[in-house]
Amino acid sequence: MAIQTIFAHVSCSDLKASIGWYEKLFGKAPLRRPMPGLAEWQFTESAEVQLFEDKDKAGTSTLTLGVLPLAPERQRLVKAGLEPGPIEEADDFWIMRMRDPDGNLVVFASALRD
């Protein structure tokens, strides 16, 4: 198997409302709306996030994002009107957690705090 791209998938209850929240999270609008109920953001040739309207599964997703460094990213999210949690130290890296409007967990992971 030669995997070329991985799509992270997040389920939401209201696509229109969730797109607004994820636009703040990612700092940009979705790149594509390839079918009803689906929005996609692309970050690199192999890193993409799909936001899919599925009321039954909304709130059960976890999205982990690697960023460098973490503290400036936290400041950007606060300025965007989102509510990221504190920066937490793990064994060899830093994390920050937050929840989207449906309760899906978004985790930021970084080797650098500042």
C-alpha atoms as a PDB file:
ATOM      1  CA  MET A   1       0.000   0.000   0.000  1.00  0.00           C
ATOM      2  CA  ALA A   2       1.354   3.428  -0.960  1.00  0.00           C
ATOM      3  CA  ILE A   3      -0.677   5.997   0.990  1.00  0.00           C
ATOM      4  CA  GLN A   4      -0.446   9.445  -0.573  1.00  0.00           C
ATOM      5  CA  THR A   5      -2.850  11.512   1.537  1.00  0.00           C
ATOM      6  CA  ILE A   6      -4.578  11.135   4.879  1.00  0.00           C
ATOM      7  CA  PHE A   7      -7.841  12.933   5.540  1.00  0.00           C
ATOM      8  CA  ALA A   8      -8.698  13.580   9.180  1.00  0.00           C
ATOM      9  CA  HIS A   9     -12.472  13.325   9.578  1.00  0.00           C
ATOM     10  CA  VAL A  10     -14.622  15.304  12.037  1.00  0.00           C
ATOM     11  CA  SER A  11     -18.387  14.788  12.364  1.00  0.00           C
ATOM     12  CA  CYS A  12     -20.637  17.748  13.155  1.00  0.00           C
ATOM     13  CA  SER A  13     -24.354  18.331  13.695  1.00  0.00           C
ATOM     14  CA  ASP A  14     -24.663  21.569  11.665  1.00  0.00           C
ATOM     15  CA  LEU A  15     -22.178  21.995   8.826  1.00  0.00           C
ATOM     16  CA  LYS A  16     -22.850  25.701   8.263  1.00  0.00           C
ATOM     17  CA  ALA A  17     -22.312  26.591  11.936  1.00  0.00           C
ATOM     18  CA  SER A  18     -19.285  24.320  12.240  1.00  0.00           C
ATOM     19  CA  ILE A  19     -17.632  25.758   9.138  1.00  0.00           C
ATOM     20  CA  GLY A  20     -17.622  29.172  10.839  1.00  0.00           C
ATOM     21  CA  TRP A  21     -15.937  27.754  13.922  1.00  0.00           C
ATOM     22  CA  TYR A  22     -13.354  25.778  11.927  1.00  0.00           C
ATOM     23  CA  GLU A  23     -12.604  28.830   9.776  1.00  0.00           C
ATOM     24  CA  LYS A  24     -11.524  30.568  12.993  1.00  0.00           C
ATOM     25  CA  LEU A  25      -9.590  27.500  14.110  1.00  0.00           C
ATOM     26  CA  PHE A  26      -7.707  27.103  10.818  1.00  0.00           C
ATOM     27  CA  GLY A  27      -7.553  30.809   9.914  1.00  0.00           C
ATOM     28  CA  LYS A  28      -9.067  30.201   6.494  1.00  0.00           C
ATOM     29  CA  ALA A  29     -12.189  29.064   4.660  1.00  0.00           C
ATOM     30  CA  PRO A  30     -12.553  25.492   3.402  1.00  0.00           C
ATOM     31  CA  LEU A  31     -10.846  24.829   0.098  1.00  0.00           C
ATOM     32  CA  ARG A  32     -13.556  22.540  -1.230  1.00  0.00           C
ATOM     33  CA  ARG A  33     -17.209  21.602  -0.750  1.00  0.00           C
ATOM     34  CA  PRO A  34     -17.082  18.405  -2.870  1.00  0.00           C
ATOM     35  CA  MET A  35     -20.551  17.133  -1.960  1.00  0.00           C
ATOM     36  CA  PRO A  36     -23.510  18.095   0.207  1.00  0.00           C
ATOM     37  CA  GLY A  37     -22.691  17.917   3.906  1.00  0.00           C
ATOM     38  CA  LEU A  38     -18.889  17.990   3.429  1.00  0.00           C
ATOM     39  CA  ALA A  39     -16.244  20.719   3.652  1.00  0.00           C
ATOM     40  CA  GLU A  40     -12.485  20.184   3.261  1.00  0.00           C
ATOM     41  CA  TRP A  41      -9.417  22.147   4.318  1.00  0.00           C
ATOM     42  CA  GLN A  42      -6.026  21.385   2.800  1.00  0.00           C
ATOM     43  CA  PHE A  43      -2.795  22.309   4.583  1.00  0.00           C
ATOM     44  CA  THR A  44      -0.146  20.437   2.588  1.00  0.00           C
ATOM     45  CA  GLU A  45      -0.238  17.988  -0.305  1.00  0.00           C
ATOM     46  CA  SER A  46      -0.830  15.177   2.184  1.00  0.00           C
ATOM     47  CA  ALA A  47      -2.609  16.836   5.153  1.00  0.00           C
ATOM     48  CA  GLU A  48      -6.327  17.547   4.917  1.00  0.00           C
ATOM     49  CA  VAL A  49      -9.309  17.788   7.256  1.00  0.00           C
ATOM     50  CA  GLN A  50     -12.841  16.830   6.308  1.00  0.00           C
ATOM     51  CA  LEU A  51     -15.795  18.251   8.222  1.00  0.00           C
ATOM     52  CA  PHE A  52     -18.883  16.110   7.640  1.00  0.00           C
ATOM     53  CA  GLU A  53     -22.442  16.701   8.798  1.00  0.00           C
ATOM     54  CA  ASP A  54     -23.546  13.574  10.673  1.00  0.00           C
ATOM     55  CA  LYS A  55     -25.783  14.357  13.637  1.00  0.00           C
ATOM     56  CA  ASP A  56     -25.523  10.809  15.023  1.00  0.00           C
ATOM     57  CA  LYS A  57     -21.716  10.906  15.254  1.00  0.00           C
ATOM     58  CA  ALA A  58     -21.228  14.597  16.088  1.00  0.00           C
ATOM     59  CA  GLY A  59     -19.148  15.061  19.218  1.00  0.00           C
ATOM     60  CA  THR A  60     -17.307  11.730  18.958  1.00  0.00           C
ATOM     61  CA  SER A  61     -14.309  12.848  16.873  1.00  0.00           C
ATOM     62  CA  THR A  62     -10.779  13.710  17.966  1.00  0.00           C
ATOM     63  CA  LEU A  63      -8.565  15.876  15.753  1.00  0.00           C
ATOM     64  CA  THR A  64      -4.870  16.204  16.630  1.00  0.00           C
ATOM     65  CA  LEU A  65      -2.907  19.008  14.990  1.00  0.00           C
ATOM     66  CA  GLY A  66       0.864  19.398  15.099  1.00  0.00           C
ATOM     67  CA  VAL A  67       1.985  23.034  15.346  1.00  0.00           C
ATOM     68  CA  LEU A  68       5.267  24.829  16.068  1.00  0.00           C
ATOM     69  CA  PRO A  69       5.461  26.648  18.438  1.00  0.00           C
ATOM     70  CA  LEU A  70       2.360  26.312  20.631  1.00  0.00           C
ATOM     71  CA  ALA A  71       2.137  29.574  22.640  1.00  0.00           C
ATOM     72  CA  PRO A  72       1.676  31.892  19.617  1.00  0.00           C
ATOM     73  CA  GLU A  73      -0.968  29.527  18.254  1.00  0.00           C
ATOM     74  CA  ARG A  74      -2.853  29.739  21.540  1.00  0.00           C
ATOM     75  CA  GLN A  75      -2.760  33.556  21.363  1.00  0.00           C
ATOM     76  CA  ARG A  76      -4.098  33.475  17.791  1.00  0.00           C
ATOM     77  CA  LEU A  77      -7.005  31.234  18.826  1.00  0.00           C
ATOM     78  CA  VAL A  78      -7.929  33.505  21.736  1.00  0.00           C
ATOM     79  CA  LYS A  79      -7.862  36.553  19.414  1.00  0.00           C
ATOM     80  CA  ALA A  80     -10.127  34.640  17.009  1.00  0.00           C
ATOM     81  CA  GLY A  81     -12.703  34.286  19.790  1.00  0.00           C
ATOM     82  CA  LEU A  82     -12.102  30.597  20.532  1.00  0.00           C
ATOM     83  CA  GLU A  83     -11.446  29.115  23.967  1.00  0.00           C
ATOM     84  CA  PRO A  84      -8.331  26.936  23.965  1.00  0.00           C
ATOM     85  CA  GLY A  85      -7.361  25.263  27.211  1.00  0.00           C
ATOM     86  CA  PRO A  86      -4.048  25.811  28.956  1.00  0.00           C
ATOM     87  CA  ILE A  87      -0.771  24.608  27.539  1.00  0.00           C
ATOM     88  CA  GLU A  88       0.094  21.341  29.286  1.00  0.00           C
ATOM     89  CA  GLU A  89       3.500  19.722  29.537  1.00  0.00           C
ATOM     90  CA  ALA A  90       3.801  16.066  28.556  1.00  0.00           C
ATOM     91  CA  ASP A  91       6.930  13.891  28.630  1.00  0.00           C
ATOM     92  CA  ASP A  92       8.674  15.205  25.505  1.00  0.00           C
ATOM     93  CA  PHE A  93       6.232  17.762  24.108  1.00  0.00           C
ATOM     94  CA  TRP A  94       3.444  20.234  24.878  1.00  0.00           C
ATOM     95  CA  ILE A  95      -0.289  19.913  24.264  1.00  0.00           C
ATOM     96  CA  MET A  96      -3.326  22.156  24.350  1.00  0.00           C
ATOM     97  CA  ARG A  97      -6.910  20.933  24.193  1.00  0.00           C
ATOM     98  CA  MET A  98     -10.213  22.485  23.223  1.00  0.00           C
ATOM     99  CA  ARG A  99     -13.696  21.419  22.130  1.00  0.00           C
ATOM    100  CA  ASP A 100     -15.634  22.440  19.038  1.00  0.00           C
ATOM    101  CA  PRO A 101     -19.343  23.400  19.271  1.00  0.00           C
ATOM    102  CA  ASP A 102     -20.385  19.715  19.098  1.00  0.00           C
ATOM    103  CA  GLY A 103     -17.900  18.618  21.756  1.00  0.00           C
ATOM    104  CA  ASN A 104     -15.362  17.082  19.363  1.00  0.00           C
ATOM    105  CA  LEU A 105     -11.898  17.172  20.919  1.00  0.00           C
ATOM    106  CA  VAL A 106      -9.213  19.223  19.162  1.00  0.00           C
ATOM    107  CA  VAL A 107      -5.689  18.629  20.471  1.00  0.00           C
ATOM    108  CA  PHE A 108      -2.671  20.709  19.529  1.00  0.00           C
ATOM    109  CA  ALA A 109       0.687  18.988  19.967  1.00  0.00           C
ATOM    110  CA  SER A 110       4.069  20.665  19.734  1.00  0.00           C
ATOM    111  CA  ALA A 111       7.730  20.040  20.489  1.00  0.00           C
ATOM    112  CA  LEU A 112       8.049  23.785  21.230  1.00  0.00           C
ATOM    113  CA  ARG A 113       6.069  25.772  23.774  1.00  0.00           C
ATOM    114  CA  ASP A 114       7.242  29.287  22.836  1.00  0.00           C
END
